C-alpha atoms as a PDB file:
ATOM      1  CA  UNK A   1     110.684 108.202  89.046  1.00  0.00           C
ATOM      2  CA  UNK A   2     111.948 108.525  85.450  1.00  0.00           C
ATOM      3  CA  UNK A   3     114.708 106.079  84.601  1.00  0.00           C
ATOM      4  CA  UNK A   4     117.694 107.291  82.620  1.00  0.00           C
ATOM      5  CA  UNK A   5     118.819 105.391  79.515  1.00  0.00           C
ATOM      6  CA  UNK A   6     120.501 102.107  80.448  1.00  0.00           C
ATOM      7  CA  UNK A   7     123.710 102.314  78.410  1.00  0.00           C
ATOM      8  CA  UNK A   8     125.067  99.224  80.171  1.00  0.00           C
ATOM      9  CA  UNK A   9     122.081  97.215  79.005  1.00  0.00           C
ATOM     10  CA  UNK A  10     122.636  98.261  75.404  1.00  0.00           C
ATOM     11  CA  UNK A  11     126.385  97.526  75.468  1.00  0.00           C
ATOM     12  CA  UNK A  12     126.142  94.220  77.312  1.00  0.00           C
ATOM     13  CA  UNK A  13     123.372  92.959  75.035  1.00  0.00           C
ATOM     14  CA  UNK A  14     126.071  92.491  72.395  1.00  0.00           C
ATOM     15  CA  UNK A  15     127.724  89.925  74.692  1.00  0.00           C
ATOM     16  CA  UNK A  16     124.689  87.710  74.141  1.00  0.00           C
ATOM     17  CA  UNK A  17     125.401  87.718  70.409  1.00  0.00           C
ATOM     18  CA  UNK A  18     128.877  86.339  71.091  1.00  0.00           C
ATOM     19  CA  UNK A  19     127.717  83.968  73.854  1.00  0.00           C
ATOM     20  CA  UNK A  20     123.978  83.215  73.634  1.00  0.00           C
ATOM     21  CA  UNK A  21     124.055  80.980  76.720  1.00  0.00           C
ATOM     22  CA  UNK A  22     124.313  84.131  78.836  1.00  0.00           C
ATOM     23  CA  UNK A  23     120.648  84.826  78.037  1.00  0.00           C
ATOM     24  CA  UNK A  24     119.419  81.457  79.309  1.00  0.00           C
ATOM     25  CA  UNK A  25     118.289  81.187  82.941  1.00  0.00           C
ATOM     26  CA  UNK A  26     119.119  78.097  84.982  1.00  0.00           C
ATOM     27  CA  UNK A  27     115.549  77.900  86.301  1.00  0.00           C
ATOM     28  CA  UNK A  28     112.310  79.160  84.715  1.00  0.00           C
ATOM     29  CA  UNK A  29     109.174  79.750  86.805  1.00  0.00           C
ATOM     30  CA  UNK A  30     105.926  81.619  86.309  1.00  0.00           C
ATOM     31  CA  UNK A  31     106.499  83.820  89.367  1.00  0.00           C
ATOM     32  CA  UNK A  32     108.119  83.698  92.818  1.00  0.00           C
ATOM     33  CA  UNK A  33     105.351  81.449  94.163  1.00  0.00           C
ATOM     34  CA  UNK A  34     106.866  78.644  92.104  1.00  0.00           C
ATOM     35  CA  UNK A  35     110.332  78.941  93.661  1.00  0.00           C
ATOM     36  CA  UNK A  36     111.171  76.256  96.218  1.00  0.00           C
ATOM     37  CA  UNK A  37     113.340  78.369  98.508  1.00  0.00           C
ATOM     38  CA  UNK A  38     114.045  75.514 100.901  1.00  0.00           C
ATOM     39  CA  UNK A  39     115.342  73.307  98.089  1.00  0.00           C
ATOM     40  CA  UNK A  40     117.547  76.102  96.760  1.00  0.00           C
ATOM     41  CA  UNK A  41     119.246  76.264 100.132  1.00  0.00           C
ATOM     42  CA  UNK A  42     119.357  72.598 101.095  1.00  0.00           C
ATOM     43  CA  UNK A  43     120.027  70.982  97.719  1.00  0.00           C
ATOM     44  CA  UNK A  44     121.735  73.671  95.649  1.00  0.00           C
ATOM     45  CA  UNK A  45     123.784  75.351  98.395  1.00  0.00           C
ATOM     46  CA  UNK A  46     122.253  78.777  97.749  1.00  0.00           C
ATOM     47  CA  UNK A  47     122.976  80.918 100.806  1.00  0.00           C
ATOM     48  CA  UNK A  48     121.688  84.296  99.619  1.00  0.00           C
ATOM     49  CA  UNK A  49     119.184  85.533  97.085  1.00  0.00           C
ATOM     50  CA  UNK A  50     118.673  88.800  95.217  1.00  0.00           C
ATOM     51  CA  UNK A  51     115.648  90.014  93.312  1.00  0.00           C
ATOM     52  CA  UNK A  52     114.733  92.529  90.709  1.00  0.00           C
ATOM     53  CA  UNK A  53     111.836  94.670  91.903  1.00  0.00           C
ATOM     54  CA  UNK A  54     109.371  95.792  89.216  1.00  0.00           C
ATOM     55  CA  UNK A  55     107.224  92.984  87.812  1.00  0.00           C
ATOM     56  CA  UNK A  56     109.106  90.455  89.888  1.00  0.00           C
ATOM     57  CA  UNK A  57     108.120  91.359  93.451  1.00  0.00           C
ATOM     58  CA  UNK A  58     105.917  94.404  92.921  1.00  0.00           C
ATOM     59  CA  UNK A  59     103.885  96.118  90.245  1.00  0.00           C
ATOM     60  CA  UNK A  60     105.941  98.694  88.295  1.00  0.00           C
ATOM     61  CA  UNK A  61     107.019 101.635  90.476  1.00  0.00           C
ATOM     62  CA  UNK A  62     105.048 100.334  93.481  1.00  0.00           C
ATOM     63  CA  UNK A  63     106.795  99.903  96.837  1.00  0.00           C
ATOM     64  CA  UNK A  64     104.786  97.066  98.389  1.00  0.00           C
ATOM     65  CA  UNK A  65     104.840  93.369  97.601  1.00  0.00           C
ATOM     66  CA  UNK A  66     102.242  92.216  95.090  1.00  0.00           C
ATOM     67  CA  UNK A  67      99.542  90.819  97.436  1.00  0.00           C
ATOM     68  CA  UNK A  68      99.358  87.295  95.900  1.00  0.00           C
ATOM     69  CA  UNK A  69     103.120  86.974  96.555  1.00  0.00           C
ATOM     70  CA  UNK A  70     102.976  87.737 100.289  1.00  0.00           C
ATOM     71  CA  UNK A  71     103.136  84.116 101.455  1.00  0.00           C
ATOM     72  CA  UNK A  72     106.035  83.275  99.127  1.00  0.00           C
ATOM     73  CA  UNK A  73     107.872  86.413 100.249  1.00  0.00           C
ATOM     74  CA  UNK A  74     107.481  85.396 103.907  1.00  0.00           C
ATOM     75  CA  UNK A  75     108.789  81.931 103.086  1.00  0.00           C
ATOM     76  CA  UNK A  76     111.808  83.456 101.334  1.00  0.00           C
ATOM     77  CA  UNK A  77     112.651  85.623 104.346  1.00  0.00           C
ATOM     78  CA  UNK A  78     112.208  82.712 106.732  1.00  0.00           C
ATOM     79  CA  UNK A  79     114.471  80.507 104.617  1.00  0.00           C
ATOM     80  CA  UNK A  80     117.367  82.874 103.999  1.00  0.00           C
ATOM     81  CA  UNK A  81     116.921  85.564 106.646  1.00  0.00           C
ATOM     82  CA  UNK A  82     116.468  89.233 105.687  1.00  0.00           C
ATOM     83  CA  UNK A  83     120.208  89.969 105.827  1.00  0.00           C
ATOM     84  CA  UNK A  84     120.826  87.422 103.052  1.00  0.00           C
ATOM     85  CA  UNK A  85     118.217  88.917 100.719  1.00  0.00           C
ATOM     86  CA  UNK A  86     118.674  92.024  98.573  1.00  0.00           C
ATOM     87  CA  UNK A  87     116.751  93.982  95.964  1.00  0.00           C
ATOM     88  CA  UNK A  88     118.731  95.088  92.900  1.00  0.00           C
ATOM     89  CA  UNK A  89     116.608  97.510  90.931  1.00  0.00           C
ATOM     90  CA  UNK A  90     117.419  99.702  87.955  1.00  0.00           C
ATOM     91  CA  UNK A  91     115.316 102.434  89.535  1.00  0.00           C
ATOM     92  CA  UNK A  92     115.298 102.361  93.361  1.00  0.00           C
ATOM     93  CA  UNK A  93     118.820 102.558  94.753  1.00  0.00           C
ATOM     94  CA  UNK A  94     120.398 103.983  91.604  1.00  0.00           C
ATOM     95  CA  UNK A  95     121.552 107.505  90.783  1.00  0.00           C
ATOM     96  CA  UNK A  96     118.039 108.088  89.369  1.00  0.00           C
ATOM     97  CA  UNK A  97     116.734 107.740  92.932  1.00  0.00           C
ATOM     98  CA  UNK A  98     117.243 111.158  94.552  1.00  0.00           C
ATOM     99  CA  UNK A  99     118.663 110.740  98.070  1.00  0.00           C
ATOM    100  CA  UNK A 100     117.676 107.064  97.783  1.00  0.00           C
ATOM    101  CA  UNK A 101     114.167 108.042  98.776  1.00  0.00           C
ATOM    102  CA  UNK A 102     112.534 105.184  96.873  1.00  0.00           C
ATOM    103  CA  UNK A 103     115.104 102.711  98.171  1.00  0.00           C
ATOM    104  CA  UNK A 104     114.391 103.659 101.773  1.00  0.00           C
ATOM    105  CA  UNK A 105     110.641 103.397 101.203  1.00  0.00           C
ATOM    106  CA  UNK A 106     111.088  99.974  99.654  1.00  0.00           C
ATOM    107  CA  UNK A 107     113.337  98.792 102.480  1.00  0.00           C
ATOM    108  CA  UNK A 108     110.739  99.815 105.027  1.00  0.00           C
ATOM    109  CA  UNK A 109     108.025  97.989 103.096  1.00  0.00           C
ATOM    110  CA  UNK A 110     109.836  94.762 102.198  1.00  0.00           C
ATOM    111  CA  UNK A 111     112.153  94.628 105.228  1.00  0.00           C
ATOM    112  CA  UNK A 112     115.271  93.758 103.215  1.00  0.00           C
ATOM    113  CA  UNK A 113     118.175  95.789 101.836  1.00  0.00           C
ATOM    114  CA  UNK A 114     117.871  97.648  98.555  1.00  0.00           C
ATOM    115  CA  UNK A 115     121.334  97.683  97.014  1.00  0.00           C
ATOM    116  CA  UNK A 116     122.735 101.174  96.385  1.00  0.00           C
ATOM    117  CA  UNK A 117     124.632 101.056  93.087  1.00  0.00           C
ATOM    118  CA  UNK A 118     125.803 103.338  90.308  1.00  0.00           C
ATOM    119  CA  UNK A 119     126.005 100.883  87.415  1.00  0.00           C
ATOM    120  CA  UNK A 120     122.696  99.537  86.140  1.00  0.00           C
ATOM    121  CA  UNK A 121     122.092  95.885  85.426  1.00  0.00           C
ATOM    122  CA  UNK A 122     123.468  93.931  83.712  1.00  0.00           C
ATOM    123  CA  UNK A 123     126.588  95.764  84.916  1.00  0.00           C
ATOM    124  CA  UNK A 124     127.408  96.272  88.581  1.00  0.00           C
ATOM    125  CA  UNK A 125     127.720  92.719  89.814  1.00  0.00           C
ATOM    126  CA  UNK A 126     130.680  93.604  92.004  1.00  0.00           C
ATOM    127  CA  UNK A 127     128.397  95.719  94.215  1.00  0.00           C
ATOM    128  CA  UNK A 128     126.187  92.719  94.949  1.00  0.00           C
ATOM    129  CA  UNK A 129     129.228  90.495  95.537  1.00  0.00           C
ATOM    130  CA  UNK A 130     130.569  92.996  98.088  1.00  0.00           C
ATOM    131  CA  UNK A 131     127.198  93.206  99.781  1.00  0.00           C
ATOM    132  CA  UNK A 132     126.921  89.444 100.319  1.00  0.00           C
ATOM    133  CA  UNK A 133     130.611  88.773 101.070  1.00  0.00           C
ATOM    134  CA  UNK A 134     131.856  86.256 102.313  1.00  0.00           C
ATOM    135  CA  UNK A 135     129.082  84.321 100.549  1.00  0.00           C
ATOM    136  CA  UNK A 136     130.450  83.335  97.143  1.00  0.00           C
ATOM    137  CA  UNK A 137     128.739  84.481  93.915  1.00  0.00           C
ATOM    138  CA  UNK A 138     127.889  80.884  92.987  1.00  0.00           C
ATOM    139  CA  UNK A 139     126.014  80.603  96.302  1.00  0.00           C
ATOM    140  CA  UNK A 140     123.766  83.515  95.330  1.00  0.00           C
ATOM    141  CA  UNK A 141     120.566  83.163  93.306  1.00  0.00           C
ATOM    142  CA  UNK A 142     119.347  86.074  91.209  1.00  0.00           C
ATOM    143  CA  UNK A 143     115.641  86.335  90.371  1.00  0.00           C
ATOM    144  CA  UNK A 144     114.097  88.640  87.791  1.00  0.00           C
ATOM    145  CA  UNK A 145     111.618  89.025  84.964  1.00  0.00           C
ATOM    146  CA  UNK A 146     113.979  90.525  82.389  1.00  0.00           C
ATOM    147  CA  UNK A 147     116.420  88.505  80.313  1.00  0.00           C
ATOM    148  CA  UNK A 148     118.841  91.187  79.107  1.00  0.00           C
ATOM    149  CA  UNK A 149     119.136  92.855  82.500  1.00  0.00           C
ATOM    150  CA  UNK A 150     118.356  90.364  85.289  1.00  0.00           C
ATOM    151  CA  UNK A 151     119.317  87.000  83.808  1.00  0.00           C
ATOM    152  CA  UNK A 152     122.322  88.443  81.997  1.00  0.00           C
ATOM    153  CA  UNK A 153     123.409  90.180  85.219  1.00  0.00           C
ATOM    154  CA  UNK A 154     123.246  86.952  87.201  1.00  0.00           C
ATOM    155  CA  UNK A 155     124.955  84.825  84.568  1.00  0.00           C
ATOM    156  CA  UNK A 156     127.787  87.327  84.101  1.00  0.00           C
ATOM    157  CA  UNK A 157     128.447  87.149  87.838  1.00  0.00           C
ATOM    158  CA  UNK A 158     128.259  83.410  88.389  1.00  0.00           C
ATOM    159  CA  UNK A 159     124.884  83.435  90.160  1.00  0.00           C
ATOM    160  CA  UNK A 160     122.158  80.828  89.838  1.00  0.00           C
ATOM    161  CA  UNK A 161     119.633  82.625  87.629  1.00  0.00           C
ATOM    162  CA  UNK A 162     115.859  82.299  87.961  1.00  0.00           C
ATOM    163  CA  UNK A 163     113.572  83.864  85.379  1.00  0.00           C
ATOM    164  CA  UNK A 164     110.006  84.788  86.357  1.00  0.00           C
ATOM    165  CA  UNK A 165     108.355  84.740  82.954  1.00  0.00           C
ATOM    166  CA  UNK A 166     104.908  86.058  83.949  1.00  0.00           C
ATOM    167  CA  UNK A 167     104.820  89.742  84.810  1.00  0.00           C
ATOM    168  CA  UNK A 168     102.751  91.173  87.644  1.00  0.00           C
ATOM    169  CA  UNK A 169     101.137  93.715  85.313  1.00  0.00           C
ATOM    170  CA  UNK A 170     102.011  95.730  82.250  1.00  0.00           C
ATOM    171  CA  UNK A 171      99.986  98.649  83.606  1.00  0.00           C
ATOM    172  CA  UNK A 172     102.308 101.509  84.509  1.00  0.00           C
ATOM    173  CA  UNK A 173     105.377  99.952  82.892  1.00  0.00           C
ATOM    174  CA  UNK A 174     107.314 102.037  80.389  1.00  0.00           C
ATOM    175  CA  UNK A 175     106.811 101.335  76.701  1.00  0.00           C
ATOM    176  CA  UNK A 176     110.436 100.411  76.053  1.00  0.00           C
ATOM    177  CA  UNK A 177     110.359  97.787  78.797  1.00  0.00           C
ATOM    178  CA  UNK A 178     107.160  96.346  77.359  1.00  0.00           C
ATOM    179  CA  UNK A 179     108.675  96.032  73.887  1.00  0.00           C
ATOM    180  CA  UNK A 180     111.968  94.597  75.144  1.00  0.00           C
ATOM    181  CA  UNK A 181     110.265  92.010  77.364  1.00  0.00           C
ATOM    182  CA  UNK A 182     108.228  90.667  74.454  1.00  0.00           C
ATOM    183  CA  UNK A 183     111.372  90.508  72.328  1.00  0.00           C
ATOM    184  CA  UNK A 184     113.157  88.657  75.150  1.00  0.00           C
ATOM    185  CA  UNK A 185     110.424  86.004  75.295  1.00  0.00           C
ATOM    186  CA  UNK A 186     110.895  85.390  71.580  1.00  0.00           C
ATOM    187  CA  UNK A 187     114.663  85.229  72.087  1.00  0.00           C
ATOM    188  CA  UNK A 188     114.334  82.534  74.759  1.00  0.00           C
ATOM    189  CA  UNK A 189     112.076  80.428  72.521  1.00  0.00           C
ATOM    190  CA  UNK A 190     114.534  80.822  69.639  1.00  0.00           C
ATOM    191  CA  UNK A 191     117.529  79.753  71.748  1.00  0.00           C
ATOM    192  CA  UNK A 192     115.710  76.822  73.338  1.00  0.00           C
ATOM    193  CA  UNK A 193     114.620  75.528  69.929  1.00  0.00           C
ATOM    194  CA  UNK A 194     118.288  75.474  68.934  1.00  0.00           C
ATOM    195  CA  UNK A 195     119.408  73.628  72.036  1.00  0.00           C
ATOM    196  CA  UNK A 196     121.306  76.476  73.656  1.00  0.00           C
ATOM    197  CA  UNK A 197     121.947  75.758  77.329  1.00  0.00           C
ATOM    198  CA  UNK A 198     122.527  78.190  80.227  1.00  0.00           C
ATOM    199  CA  UNK A 199     126.070  78.652  81.485  1.00  0.00           C
ATOM    200  CA  UNK A 200     127.369  75.888  83.760  1.00  0.00           C
ATOM    201  CA  UNK A 201     126.636  76.391  87.448  1.00  0.00           C
ATOM    202  CA  UNK A 202     128.057  74.480  90.400  1.00  0.00           C
ATOM    203  CA  UNK A 203     124.570  73.713  91.715  1.00  0.00           C
ATOM    204  CA  UNK A 204     123.973  71.444  88.719  1.00  0.00           C
ATOM    205  CA  UNK A 205     126.798  69.213  89.963  1.00  0.00           C
ATOM    206  CA  UNK A 206     125.386  68.792  93.474  1.00  0.00           C
END
């Protein structure tokens, strides 16, 4: 699948200039194997969780879970239940996905819902909020490998944001994504060195 230009990503990136904290995740891990799903639920009152797909759960444009992540993925589904887990991709489930073919393939493979949405991340948070309703946005964790799409998306919508900083593979990823990801890593280092903190989240008060 060829992704169309993400205008939302370009426009919303300027919000980070005005409010740099929007780029900072609440939790940083290497990959999903480092997420304590049980603690998210029991100690931080997270009742639902959403994930980016490419380089977070799967290799780019692949529909099955990255094999080393299988145990962590099972633990996630056991902790939250499949109905409280969603995939929010900027490819599968978007208008780039003809007849949602890729979304349906991914749903069959991962056994969770792939959100169908028109606006690409970091826009479109209302679609995820509707999907998980009556669970509140602050009770939702959002996990992804990209700062200016995934982390920004979650922070704009009041989610607990988790950044997976190590990608599955750069093989097969598009060149723009490769360049942006490397720039995002430098951005995080720059902000951390200057003491910028992520936006407040209710889980930090529990």
